[in-house]
PDB file of N, CA and C in Angstrom:
ATOM      1  N   ALA A   1      37.518   9.608  -3.089  1.00  0.00           N
ATOM      2  CA  ALA A   1      37.811  10.828  -3.812  1.00  0.00           C
ATOM      3  C   ALA A   1      37.569  12.051  -2.971  1.00  0.00           C
ATOM      4  N   MET A   2      36.511  12.057  -2.201  1.00  0.00           N
ATOM      5  CA  MET A   2      36.045  13.146  -1.489  1.00  0.00           C
ATOM      6  C   MET A   2      37.032  13.361  -0.376  1.00  0.00           C
ATOM      7  N   LYS A   3      37.573  12.392   0.316  1.00  0.00           N
ATOM      8  CA  LYS A   3      38.527  12.406   1.406  1.00  0.00           C
ATOM      9  C   LYS A   3      39.845  12.993   0.862  1.00  0.00           C
ATOM     10  N   GLN A   4      40.224  12.775  -0.419  1.00  0.00           N
ATOM     11  CA  GLN A   4      41.436  13.339  -0.938  1.00  0.00           C
ATOM     12  C   GLN A   4      41.203  14.810  -1.157  1.00  0.00           C
ATOM     13  N   GLN A   5      40.016  15.285  -1.241  1.00  0.00           N
ATOM     14  CA  GLN A   5      39.766  16.673  -1.382  1.00  0.00           C
ATOM     15  C   GLN A   5      39.661  17.457   0.011  1.00  0.00           C
ATOM     16  N   GLY A   6      39.770  16.696   0.970  1.00  0.00           N
ATOM     17  CA  GLY A   6      39.751  17.339   2.408  1.00  0.00           C
ATOM     18  C   GLY A   6      38.310  17.164   3.012  1.00  0.00           C
ATOM     19  N   VAL A   7      37.415  16.470   2.472  1.00  0.00           N
ATOM     20  CA  VAL A   7      36.079  16.202   3.060  1.00  0.00           C
ATOM     21  C   VAL A   7      36.130  14.949   3.823  1.00  0.00           C
ATOM     22  N   MET A   8      36.120  15.024   5.133  1.00  0.00           N
ATOM     23  CA  MET A   8      36.271  13.832   5.946  1.00  0.00           C
ATOM     24  C   MET A   8      35.054  13.048   6.282  1.00  0.00           C
ATOM     25  N   GLU A   9      33.831  13.670   6.125  1.00  0.00           N
ATOM     26  CA  GLU A   9      32.591  12.956   6.330  1.00  0.00           C
ATOM     27  C   GLU A   9      32.274  12.062   5.141  1.00  0.00           C
ATOM     28  N   ASP A  10      31.439  11.008   5.494  1.00  0.00           N
ATOM     29  CA  ASP A  10      31.003  10.164   4.353  1.00  0.00           C
ATOM     30  C   ASP A  10      29.800  10.695   3.677  1.00  0.00           C
ATOM     31  N   ARG A  11      29.179  11.883   4.209  1.00  0.00           N
ATOM     32  CA  ARG A  11      28.026  12.395   3.547  1.00  0.00           C
ATOM     33  C   ARG A  11      28.451  13.701   2.964  1.00  0.00           C
ATOM     34  N   LEU A  12      27.782  14.016   1.779  1.00  0.00           N
ATOM     35  CA  LEU A  12      27.938  15.262   1.127  1.00  0.00           C
ATOM     36  C   LEU A  12      26.771  16.142   1.415  1.00  0.00           C
ATOM     37  N   GLN A  13      27.024  17.337   1.956  1.00  0.00           N
ATOM     38  CA  GLN A  13      25.991  18.269   2.271  1.00  0.00           C
ATOM     39  C   GLN A  13      25.550  19.064   0.964  1.00  0.00           C
ATOM     40  N   LEU A  14      24.378  18.935   0.462  1.00  0.00           N
ATOM     41  CA  LEU A  14      24.018  19.543  -0.894  1.00  0.00           C
ATOM     42  C   LEU A  14      23.427  20.904  -0.686  1.00  0.00           C
ATOM     43  N   LEU A  15      22.776  21.085   0.377  1.00  0.00           N
ATOM     44  CA  LEU A  15      22.172  22.423   0.626  1.00  0.00           C
ATOM     45  C   LEU A  15      22.677  22.886   2.044  1.00  0.00           C
ATOM     46  N   VAL A  16      23.111  24.160   2.108  1.00  0.00           N
ATOM     47  CA  VAL A  16      23.607  24.725   3.345  1.00  0.00           C
ATOM     48  C   VAL A  16      22.953  26.018   3.636  1.00  0.00           C
ATOM     49  N   ASP A  17      22.366  26.106   4.872  1.00  0.00           N
ATOM     50  CA  ASP A  17      21.778  27.318   5.373  1.00  0.00           C
ATOM     51  C   ASP A  17      20.701  27.995   4.427  1.00  0.00           C
ATOM     52  N   VAL A  18      19.815  27.181   3.949  1.00  0.00           N
ATOM     53  CA  VAL A  18      18.821  27.605   3.026  1.00  0.00           C
ATOM     54  C   VAL A  18      17.591  28.114   3.805  1.00  0.00           C
ATOM     55  N   THR A  19      17.118  29.285   3.522  1.00  0.00           N
ATOM     56  CA  THR A  19      15.916  29.813   4.116  1.00  0.00           C
ATOM     57  C   THR A  19      15.093  30.523   2.972  1.00  0.00           C
ATOM     58  N   GLY A  20      13.758  30.587   3.187  1.00  0.00           N
ATOM     59  CA  GLY A  20      12.981  31.202   2.110  1.00  0.00           C
ATOM     60  C   GLY A  20      11.567  31.251   2.560  1.00  0.00           C
ATOM     61  N   ALA A  21      10.822  32.056   1.922  1.00  0.00           N
ATOM     62  CA  ALA A  21       9.380  32.077   2.189  1.00  0.00           C
ATOM     63  C   ALA A  21       8.673  32.288   0.857  1.00  0.00           C
ATOM     64  N   PHE A  22       7.500  31.629   0.789  1.00  0.00           N
ATOM     65  CA  PHE A  22       6.619  31.713  -0.447  1.00  0.00           C
ATOM     66  C   PHE A  22       5.319  32.302   0.057  1.00  0.00           C
ATOM     67  N   ARG A  23       4.840  33.267  -0.669  1.00  0.00           N
ATOM     68  CA  ARG A  23       3.491  33.904  -0.342  1.00  0.00           C
ATOM     69  C   ARG A  23       2.431  33.144  -0.897  1.00  0.00           C
ATOM     70  N   PRO A  24       1.332  32.883  -0.063  1.00  0.00           N
ATOM     71  CA  PRO A  24       0.123  32.187  -0.594  1.00  0.00           C
ATOM     72  C   PRO A  24      -0.519  32.775  -1.874  1.00  0.00           C
ATOM     73  N   GLY A  25      -0.895  32.023  -2.774  1.00  0.00           N
ATOM     74  CA  GLY A  25      -1.578  32.582  -3.944  1.00  0.00           C
ATOM     75  C   GLY A  25      -0.640  33.268  -4.944  1.00  0.00           C
ATOM     76  N   VAL A  26       0.654  33.204  -4.847  1.00  0.00           N
ATOM     77  CA  VAL A  26       1.569  33.868  -5.675  1.00  0.00           C
ATOM     78  C   VAL A  26       2.399  32.855  -6.428  1.00  0.00           C
ATOM     79  N   LEU A  27       2.329  32.843  -7.672  1.00  0.00           N
ATOM     80  CA  LEU A  27       3.222  31.941  -8.494  1.00  0.00           C
ATOM     81  C   LEU A  27       4.597  32.331  -8.312  1.00  0.00           C
ATOM     82  N   THR A  28       5.530  31.369  -7.913  1.00  0.00           N
ATOM     83  CA  THR A  28       6.880  31.725  -7.536  1.00  0.00           C
ATOM     84  C   THR A  28       7.794  30.883  -8.555  1.00  0.00           C
ATOM     85  N   ALA A  29       8.824  31.558  -9.025  1.00  0.00           N
ATOM     86  CA  ALA A  29       9.812  30.913  -9.838  1.00  0.00           C
ATOM     87  C   ALA A  29      11.126  30.794  -8.978  1.00  0.00           C
ATOM     88  N   LEU A  30      11.774  29.734  -9.081  1.00  0.00           N
ATOM     89  CA  LEU A  30      13.042  29.579  -8.404  1.00  0.00           C
ATOM     90  C   LEU A  30      14.100  29.532  -9.469  1.00  0.00           C
ATOM     91  N   VAL A  31      15.051  30.504  -9.442  1.00  0.00           N
ATOM     92  CA  VAL A  31      16.041  30.698 -10.542  1.00  0.00           C
ATOM     93  C   VAL A  31      17.453  30.688  -9.926  1.00  0.00           C
ATOM     94  N   GLY A  32      18.348  30.313 -10.689  1.00  0.00           N
ATOM     95  CA  GLY A  32      19.783  30.283 -10.278  1.00  0.00           C
ATOM     96  C   GLY A  32      20.612  29.574 -11.350  1.00  0.00           C
ATOM     97  N   VAL A  33      21.943  29.622 -11.189  1.00  0.00           N
ATOM     98  CA  VAL A  33      22.828  29.060 -12.112  1.00  0.00           C
ATOM     99  C   VAL A  33      22.772  27.508 -11.994  1.00  0.00           C
ATOM    100  N   SER A  34      23.240  26.874 -12.996  1.00  0.00           N
ATOM    101  CA  SER A  34      23.273  25.450 -13.088  1.00  0.00           C
ATOM    102  C   SER A  34      24.128  24.935 -11.967  1.00  0.00           C
ATOM    103  N   GLY A  35      23.604  23.999 -11.212  1.00  0.00           N
ATOM    104  CA  GLY A  35      24.290  23.420 -10.076  1.00  0.00           C
ATOM    105  C   GLY A  35      24.140  24.054  -8.791  1.00  0.00           C
ATOM    106  N   ALA A  36      23.276  25.091  -8.749  1.00  0.00           N
ATOM    107  CA  ALA A  36      23.105  25.879  -7.525  1.00  0.00           C
ATOM    108  C   ALA A  36      22.265  25.121  -6.529  1.00  0.00           C
ATOM    109  N   GLY A  37      21.532  24.016  -6.852  1.00  0.00           N
ATOM    110  CA  GLY A  37      20.786  23.297  -5.980  1.00  0.00           C
ATOM    111  C   GLY A  37      19.285  23.496  -6.009  1.00  0.00           C
ATOM    112  N   LYS A  38      18.824  24.179  -7.120  1.00  0.00           N
ATOM    113  CA  LYS A  38      17.361  24.489  -7.249  1.00  0.00           C
ATOM    114  C   LYS A  38      16.562  23.186  -7.308  1.00  0.00           C
ATOM    115  N   THR A  39      16.933  22.204  -8.114  1.00  0.00           N
ATOM    116  CA  THR A  39      16.207  20.885  -8.206  1.00  0.00           C
ATOM    117  C   THR A  39      16.261  20.190  -6.838  1.00  0.00           C
ATOM    118  N   THR A  40      17.428  20.151  -6.199  1.00  0.00           N
ATOM    119  CA  THR A  40      17.565  19.475  -4.951  1.00  0.00           C
ATOM    120  C   THR A  40      16.662  20.129  -3.930  1.00  0.00           C
ATOM    121  N   LEU A  41      16.631  21.427  -3.902  1.00  0.00           N
ATOM    122  CA  LEU A  41      15.789  22.081  -2.878  1.00  0.00           C
ATOM    123  C   LEU A  41      14.301  21.809  -3.192  1.00  0.00           C
ATOM    124  N   MET A  42      13.870  21.875  -4.365  1.00  0.00           N
ATOM    125  CA  MET A  42      12.517  21.650  -4.883  1.00  0.00           C
ATOM    126  C   MET A  42      12.126  20.083  -4.435  1.00  0.00           C
ATOM    127  N   ASP A  43      13.065  19.177  -4.712  1.00  0.00           N
ATOM    128  CA  ASP A  43      12.760  17.791  -4.420  1.00  0.00           C
ATOM    129  C   ASP A  43      12.624  17.622  -2.923  1.00  0.00           C
ATOM    130  N   VAL A  44      13.401  18.258  -2.129  1.00  0.00           N
ATOM    131  CA  VAL A  44      13.240  18.185  -0.687  1.00  0.00           C
ATOM    132  C   VAL A  44      11.942  18.763  -0.292  1.00  0.00           C
ATOM    133  N   LEU A  45      11.576  19.999  -0.707  1.00  0.00           N
ATOM    134  CA  LEU A  45      10.295  20.611  -0.320  1.00  0.00           C
ATOM    135  C   LEU A  45       9.188  19.796  -0.720  1.00  0.00           C
ATOM    136  N   ALA A  46       9.262  19.156  -1.981  1.00  0.00           N
ATOM    137  CA  ALA A  46       8.147  18.401  -2.464  1.00  0.00           C
ATOM    138  C   ALA A  46       7.993  16.937  -1.887  1.00  0.00           C
ATOM    139  N   GLY A  47       9.001  16.654  -1.168  1.00  0.00           N
ATOM    140  CA  GLY A  47       8.994  15.251  -0.589  1.00  0.00           C
ATOM    141  C   GLY A  47       9.368  14.217  -1.572  1.00  0.00           C
ATOM    142  N   ARG A  48      10.142  14.592  -2.616  1.00  0.00           N
ATOM    143  CA  ARG A  48      10.534  13.620  -3.632  1.00  0.00           C
ATOM    144  C   ARG A  48      11.961  13.006  -3.432  1.00  0.00           C
ATOM    145  N   LYS A  49      12.662  13.529  -2.434  1.00  0.00           N
ATOM    146  CA  LYS A  49      13.953  12.953  -2.185  1.00  0.00           C
ATOM    147  C   LYS A  49      13.843  11.646  -1.397  1.00  0.00           C
ATOM    148  N   THR A  50      14.278  10.586  -1.968  1.00  0.00           N
ATOM    149  CA  THR A  50      14.080   9.289  -1.340  1.00  0.00           C
ATOM    150  C   THR A  50      15.243   8.731  -0.701  1.00  0.00           C
ATOM    151  N   GLY A  51      16.424   9.278  -0.967  1.00  0.00           N
ATOM    152  CA  GLY A  51      17.707   8.817  -0.390  1.00  0.00           C
ATOM    153  C   GLY A  51      18.392   9.996   0.366  1.00  0.00           C
ATOM    154  N   GLY A  52      19.426   9.597   1.069  1.00  0.00           N
ATOM    155  CA  GLY A  52      20.222  10.621   1.728  1.00  0.00           C
ATOM    156  C   GLY A  52      19.638  11.087   2.985  1.00  0.00           C
ATOM    157  N   TYR A  53      20.081  12.159   3.510  1.00  0.00           N
ATOM    158  CA  TYR A  53      19.681  12.712   4.852  1.00  0.00           C
ATOM    159  C   TYR A  53      19.087  14.071   4.667  1.00  0.00           C
ATOM    160  N   ILE A  54      17.887  14.345   5.291  1.00  0.00           N
ATOM    161  CA  ILE A  54      17.320  15.591   5.302  1.00  0.00           C
ATOM    162  C   ILE A  54      17.356  16.094   6.749  1.00  0.00           C
ATOM    163  N   GLU A  55      18.007  17.255   7.061  1.00  0.00           N
ATOM    164  CA  GLU A  55      18.082  17.773   8.332  1.00  0.00           C
ATOM    165  C   GLU A  55      17.552  19.148   8.329  1.00  0.00           C
ATOM    166  N   GLY A  56      16.909  19.609   9.406  1.00  0.00           N
ATOM    167  CA  GLY A  56      16.405  21.052   9.460  1.00  0.00           C
ATOM    168  C   GLY A  56      14.961  20.980   9.541  1.00  0.00           C
ATOM    169  N   ASN A  57      14.357  22.134   9.450  1.00  0.00           N
ATOM    170  CA  ASN A  57      12.893  22.358   9.564  1.00  0.00           C
ATOM    171  C   ASN A  57      12.267  22.903   8.273  1.00  0.00           C
ATOM    172  N   ILE A  58      11.161  22.336   8.027  1.00  0.00           N
ATOM    173  CA  ILE A  58      10.349  22.940   6.879  1.00  0.00           C
ATOM    174  C   ILE A  58       9.034  23.253   7.544  1.00  0.00           C
ATOM    175  N   SER A  59       8.638  24.508   7.382  1.00  0.00           N
ATOM    176  CA  SER A  59       7.393  25.043   7.980  1.00  0.00           C
ATOM    177  C   SER A  59       6.455  25.593   6.967  1.00  0.00           C
ATOM    178  N   ILE A  60       5.196  25.330   7.087  1.00  0.00           N
ATOM    179  CA  ILE A  60       4.124  25.938   6.263  1.00  0.00           C
ATOM    180  C   ILE A  60       3.241  26.803   7.172  1.00  0.00           C
ATOM    181  N   SER A  61       3.241  28.093   6.968  1.00  0.00           N
ATOM    182  CA  SER A  61       2.512  28.995   7.729  1.00  0.00           C
ATOM    183  C   SER A  61       2.821  28.886   9.280  1.00  0.00           C
ATOM    184  N   GLY A  62       4.132  28.626   9.519  1.00  0.00           N
ATOM    185  CA  GLY A  62       4.635  28.512  10.803  1.00  0.00           C
ATOM    186  C   GLY A  62       4.432  27.156  11.453  1.00  0.00           C
ATOM    187  N   TYR A  63       3.808  26.177  10.837  1.00  0.00           N
ATOM    188  CA  TYR A  63       3.647  24.840  11.305  1.00  0.00           C
ATOM    189  C   TYR A  63       4.553  23.892  10.651  1.00  0.00           C
ATOM    190  N   PRO A  64       4.985  22.795  11.326  1.00  0.00           N
ATOM    191  CA  PRO A  64       5.806  21.800  10.627  1.00  0.00           C
ATOM    192  C   PRO A  64       5.162  21.217   9.383  1.00  0.00           C
ATOM    193  N   LYS A  65       5.859  21.060   8.328  1.00  0.00           N
ATOM    194  CA  LYS A  65       5.217  20.588   7.076  1.00  0.00           C
ATOM    195  C   LYS A  65       4.687  19.182   7.242  1.00  0.00           C
ATOM    196  N   ASN A  66       3.474  18.952   6.832  1.00  0.00           N
ATOM    197  CA  ASN A  66       2.792  17.691   6.753  1.00  0.00           C
ATOM    198  C   ASN A  66       2.813  17.303   5.244  1.00  0.00           C
ATOM    199  N   GLN A  67       3.536  16.270   4.895  1.00  0.00           N
ATOM    200  CA  GLN A  67       3.599  15.939   3.445  1.00  0.00           C
ATOM    201  C   GLN A  67       2.303  15.698   2.738  1.00  0.00           C
ATOM    202  N   GLU A  68       1.336  15.049   3.416  1.00  0.00           N
ATOM    203  CA  GLU A  68       0.056  14.839   2.810  1.00  0.00           C
ATOM    204  C   GLU A  68      -0.634  16.145   2.424  1.00  0.00           C
ATOM    205  N   THR A  69      -0.632  17.048   3.439  1.00  0.00           N
ATOM    206  CA  THR A  69      -1.277  18.374   3.284  1.00  0.00           C
ATOM    207  C   THR A  69      -0.515  19.182   2.171  1.00  0.00           C
ATOM    208  N   PHE A  70       0.799  19.168   2.270  1.00  0.00           N
ATOM    209  CA  PHE A  70       1.599  19.953   1.400  1.00  0.00           C
ATOM    210  C   PHE A  70       1.308  19.510  -0.070  1.00  0.00           C
ATOM    211  N   THR A  71       1.190  18.210  -0.288  1.00  0.00           N
ATOM    212  CA  THR A  71       0.889  17.647  -1.621  1.00  0.00           C
ATOM    213  C   THR A  71      -0.382  18.196  -2.214  1.00  0.00           C
ATOM    214  N   ARG A  72      -1.363  18.364  -1.277  1.00  0.00           N
ATOM    215  CA  ARG A  72      -2.732  18.838  -1.821  1.00  0.00           C
ATOM    216  C   ARG A  72      -2.657  20.325  -2.048  1.00  0.00           C
ATOM    217  N   ILE A  73      -1.854  21.109  -1.383  1.00  0.00           N
ATOM    218  CA  ILE A  73      -1.973  22.614  -1.552  1.00  0.00           C
ATOM    219  C   ILE A  73      -0.847  23.158  -2.440  1.00  0.00           C
ATOM    220  N   SER A  74      -0.013  22.315  -3.004  1.00  0.00           N
ATOM    221  CA  SER A  74       1.190  22.855  -3.826  1.00  0.00           C
ATOM    222  C   SER A  74       1.210  22.107  -5.166  1.00  0.00           C
ATOM    223  N   GLY A  75       1.894  22.733  -6.116  1.00  0.00           N
ATOM    224  CA  GLY A  75       2.157  22.151  -7.399  1.00  0.00           C
ATOM    225  C   GLY A  75       3.608  22.309  -7.719  1.00  0.00           C
ATOM    226  N   TYR A  76       4.115  21.330  -8.436  1.00  0.00           N
ATOM    227  CA  TYR A  76       5.597  21.234  -8.787  1.00  0.00           C
ATOM    228  C   TYR A  76       5.733  20.915 -10.199  1.00  0.00           C
ATOM    229  N   CYS A  77       6.094  21.853 -11.026  1.00  0.00           N
ATOM    230  CA  CYS A  77       6.301  21.641 -12.400  1.00  0.00           C
ATOM    231  C   CYS A  77       7.764  21.468 -12.687  1.00  0.00           C
ATOM    232  N   GLU A  78       8.239  20.357 -13.065  1.00  0.00           N
ATOM    233  CA  GLU A  78       9.627  20.142 -13.281  1.00  0.00           C
ATOM    234  C   GLU A  78      10.074  20.714 -14.587  1.00  0.00           C
ATOM    235  N   GLN A  79      11.426  20.889 -14.747  1.00  0.00           N
ATOM    236  CA  GLN A  79      11.906  21.492 -15.939  1.00  0.00           C
ATOM    237  C   GLN A  79      11.701  20.663 -17.182  1.00  0.00           C
ATOM    238  N   ASN A  80      11.612  19.395 -16.919  1.00  0.00           N
ATOM    239  CA  ASN A  80      11.484  18.424 -18.092  1.00  0.00           C
ATOM    240  C   ASN A  80       9.924  18.051 -18.350  1.00  0.00           C
ATOM    241  N   ASP A  81       9.099  18.646 -17.600  1.00  0.00           N
ATOM    242  CA  ASP A  81       7.602  18.447 -17.883  1.00  0.00           C
ATOM    243  C   ASP A  81       7.231  19.007 -19.146  1.00  0.00           C
ATOM    244  N   VAL A  82       6.240  18.399 -19.838  1.00  0.00           N
ATOM    245  CA  VAL A  82       5.759  18.910 -21.095  1.00  0.00           C
ATOM    246  C   VAL A  82       4.729  20.000 -20.829  1.00  0.00           C
ATOM    247  N   HIS A  83       4.957  21.179 -21.282  1.00  0.00           N
ATOM    248  CA  HIS A  83       4.056  22.220 -21.133  1.00  0.00           C
ATOM    249  C   HIS A  83       3.554  22.761 -22.494  1.00  0.00           C
ATOM    250  N   SER A  84       2.268  22.918 -22.677  1.00  0.00           N
ATOM    251  CA  SER A  84       1.682  23.408 -23.983  1.00  0.00           C
ATOM    252  C   SER A  84       1.866  24.966 -23.958  1.00  0.00           C
ATOM    253  N   PRO A  85       2.542  25.502 -25.089  1.00  0.00           N
ATOM    254  CA  PRO A  85       2.636  26.975 -25.240  1.00  0.00           C
ATOM    255  C   PRO A  85       1.330  27.627 -25.543  1.00  0.00           C
ATOM    256  N   CYS A  86       0.263  26.847 -25.776  1.00  0.00           N
ATOM    257  CA  CYS A  86      -0.968  27.430 -26.087  1.00  0.00           C
ATOM    258  C   CYS A  86      -1.922  27.561 -24.837  1.00  0.00           C
ATOM    259  N   MET A  87      -1.462  27.070 -23.629  1.00  0.00           N
ATOM    260  CA  MET A  87      -2.189  27.104 -22.525  1.00  0.00           C
ATOM    261  C   MET A  87      -1.727  28.070 -21.549  1.00  0.00           C
ATOM    262  N   THR A  88      -2.513  28.730 -20.736  1.00  0.00           N
ATOM    263  CA  THR A  88      -2.036  29.637 -19.709  1.00  0.00           C
ATOM    264  C   THR A  88      -1.614  28.801 -18.490  1.00  0.00           C
ATOM    265  N   VAL A  89      -0.974  29.426 -17.483  1.00  0.00           N
ATOM    266  CA  VAL A  89      -0.561  28.663 -16.276  1.00  0.00           C
ATOM    267  C   VAL A  89      -1.805  28.068 -15.668  1.00  0.00           C
ATOM    268  N   TYR A  90      -2.848  28.908 -15.464  1.00  0.00           N
ATOM    269  CA  TYR A  90      -4.082  28.556 -14.827  1.00  0.00           C
ATOM    270  C   TYR A  90      -4.679  27.306 -15.610  1.00  0.00           C
ATOM    271  N   GLU A  91      -4.720  27.367 -16.907  1.00  0.00           N
ATOM    272  CA  GLU A  91      -5.356  26.212 -17.646  1.00  0.00           C
ATOM    273  C   GLU A  91      -4.428  24.933 -17.437  1.00  0.00           C
ATOM    274  N   SER A  92      -3.108  25.115 -17.436  1.00  0.00           N
ATOM    275  CA  SER A  92      -2.291  24.016 -17.134  1.00  0.00           C
ATOM    276  C   SER A  92      -2.517  23.327 -15.798  1.00  0.00           C
ATOM    277  N   LEU A  93      -2.685  24.263 -14.806  1.00  0.00           N
ATOM    278  CA  LEU A  93      -2.986  23.690 -13.473  1.00  0.00           C
ATOM    279  C   LEU A  93      -4.345  22.954 -13.388  1.00  0.00           C
ATOM    280  N   VAL A  94      -5.379  23.528 -14.006  1.00  0.00           N
ATOM    281  CA  VAL A  94      -6.665  22.960 -13.916  1.00  0.00           C
ATOM    282  C   VAL A  94      -6.575  21.564 -14.706  1.00  0.00           C
ATOM    283  N   TYR A  95      -5.847  21.472 -15.806  1.00  0.00           N
ATOM    284  CA  TYR A  95      -5.725  20.309 -16.580  1.00  0.00           C
ATOM    285  C   TYR A  95      -4.967  19.263 -15.678  1.00  0.00           C
ATOM    286  N   SER A  96      -3.950  19.681 -14.931  1.00  0.00           N
ATOM    287  CA  SER A  96      -3.266  18.777 -14.121  1.00  0.00           C
ATOM    288  C   SER A  96      -4.156  18.238 -12.981  1.00  0.00           C
ATOM    289  N   ALA A  97      -4.943  19.106 -12.444  1.00  0.00           N
ATOM    290  CA  ALA A  97      -5.894  18.687 -11.436  1.00  0.00           C
ATOM    291  C   ALA A  97      -6.871  17.666 -11.956  1.00  0.00           C
ATOM    292  N   TRP A  98      -7.351  17.893 -13.128  1.00  0.00           N
ATOM    293  CA  TRP A  98      -8.267  16.995 -13.795  1.00  0.00           C
ATOM    294  C   TRP A  98      -7.709  15.669 -13.941  1.00  0.00           C
ATOM    295  N   LEU A  99      -6.399  15.564 -14.366  1.00  0.00           N
ATOM    296  CA  LEU A  99      -5.730  14.362 -14.509  1.00  0.00           C
ATOM    297  C   LEU A  99      -5.472  13.529 -13.172  1.00  0.00           C
ATOM    298  N   ARG A 100      -5.188  14.369 -12.090  1.00  0.00           N
ATOM    299  CA  ARG A 100      -4.759  13.664 -10.898  1.00  0.00           C
ATOM    300  C   ARG A 100      -5.835  13.393  -9.972  1.00  0.00           C
ATOM    301  N   LEU A 101      -6.914  14.222  -9.904  1.00  0.00           N
ATOM    302  CA  LEU A 101      -8.079  14.030  -8.892  1.00  0.00           C
ATOM    303  C   LEU A 101      -8.965  12.912  -9.318  1.00  0.00           C
ATOM    304  N   PRO A 102      -9.584  12.318  -8.291  1.00  0.00           N
ATOM    305  CA  PRO A 102     -10.563  11.267  -8.624  1.00  0.00           C
ATOM    306  C   PRO A 102     -11.696  11.800  -9.495  1.00  0.00           C
ATOM    307  N   ALA A 103     -12.352  10.856 -10.188  1.00  0.00           N
ATOM    308  CA  ALA A 103     -13.327  11.299 -11.124  1.00  0.00           C
ATOM    309  C   ALA A 103     -14.582  11.890 -10.470  1.00  0.00           C
ATOM    310  N   HIS A 104     -14.810  11.611  -9.219  1.00  0.00           N
ATOM    311  CA  HIS A 104     -16.006  12.161  -8.548  1.00  0.00           C
ATOM    312  C   HIS A 104     -15.931  13.694  -8.158  1.00  0.00           C
ATOM    313  N   VAL A 105     -14.614  14.179  -8.269  1.00  0.00           N
ATOM    314  CA  VAL A 105     -14.453  15.582  -7.858  1.00  0.00           C
ATOM    315  C   VAL A 105     -14.924  16.441  -9.025  1.00  0.00           C
ATOM    316  N   ASP A 106     -15.822  17.326  -8.805  1.00  0.00           N
ATOM    317  CA  ASP A 106     -16.357  18.105  -9.903  1.00  0.00           C
ATOM    318  C   ASP A 106     -15.504  19.260 -10.332  1.00  0.00           C
ATOM    319  N   LEU A 107     -15.734  19.852 -11.477  1.00  0.00           N
ATOM    320  CA  LEU A 107     -14.814  20.849 -12.141  1.00  0.00           C
ATOM    321  C   LEU A 107     -14.718  22.004 -11.283  1.00  0.00           C
ATOM    322  N   ARG A 108     -15.741  22.494 -10.604  1.00  0.00           N
ATOM    323  CA  ARG A 108     -15.674  23.693  -9.779  1.00  0.00           C
ATOM    324  C   ARG A 108     -14.734  23.488  -8.634  1.00  0.00           C
ATOM    325  N   THR A 109     -14.710  22.263  -8.024  1.00  0.00           N
ATOM    326  CA  THR A 109     -13.806  21.910  -6.940  1.00  0.00           C
ATOM    327  C   THR A 109     -12.322  21.874  -7.464  1.00  0.00           C
ATOM    328  N   GLN A 110     -12.088  21.310  -8.625  1.00  0.00           N
ATOM    329  CA  GLN A 110     -10.821  21.215  -9.245  1.00  0.00           C
ATOM    330  C   GLN A 110     -10.261  22.625  -9.523  1.00  0.00           C
ATOM    331  N   GLN A 111     -11.095  23.497  -9.893  1.00  0.00           N
ATOM    332  CA  GLN A 111     -10.642  24.901 -10.135  1.00  0.00           C
ATOM    333  C   GLN A 111     -10.330  25.641  -8.919  1.00  0.00           C
TER     334      GLN A 111
END
């Protein structure tokens, strides 16, 4: 079907010439129209894309992204996650840390 539309490659490029920067310590929202590629971009950045091809560079503070480090320093709340309207963003993040981190990690470190 794609070749009938003039696309000669067997691969579909979902993101084209995407650049961006996120400031440390600043909550950032990614917004756009339906189908713009927001979820695809976030899945690539979060390392959740398990199929297809990923080409290009992802840098954190000018260094190539290390997935293990990135997972520790970032949070990804998906649109279908359940969020309590009675909790602040901070409280939600601390709660998430409490659920994810090993039991020996004290509350101060989690915060």
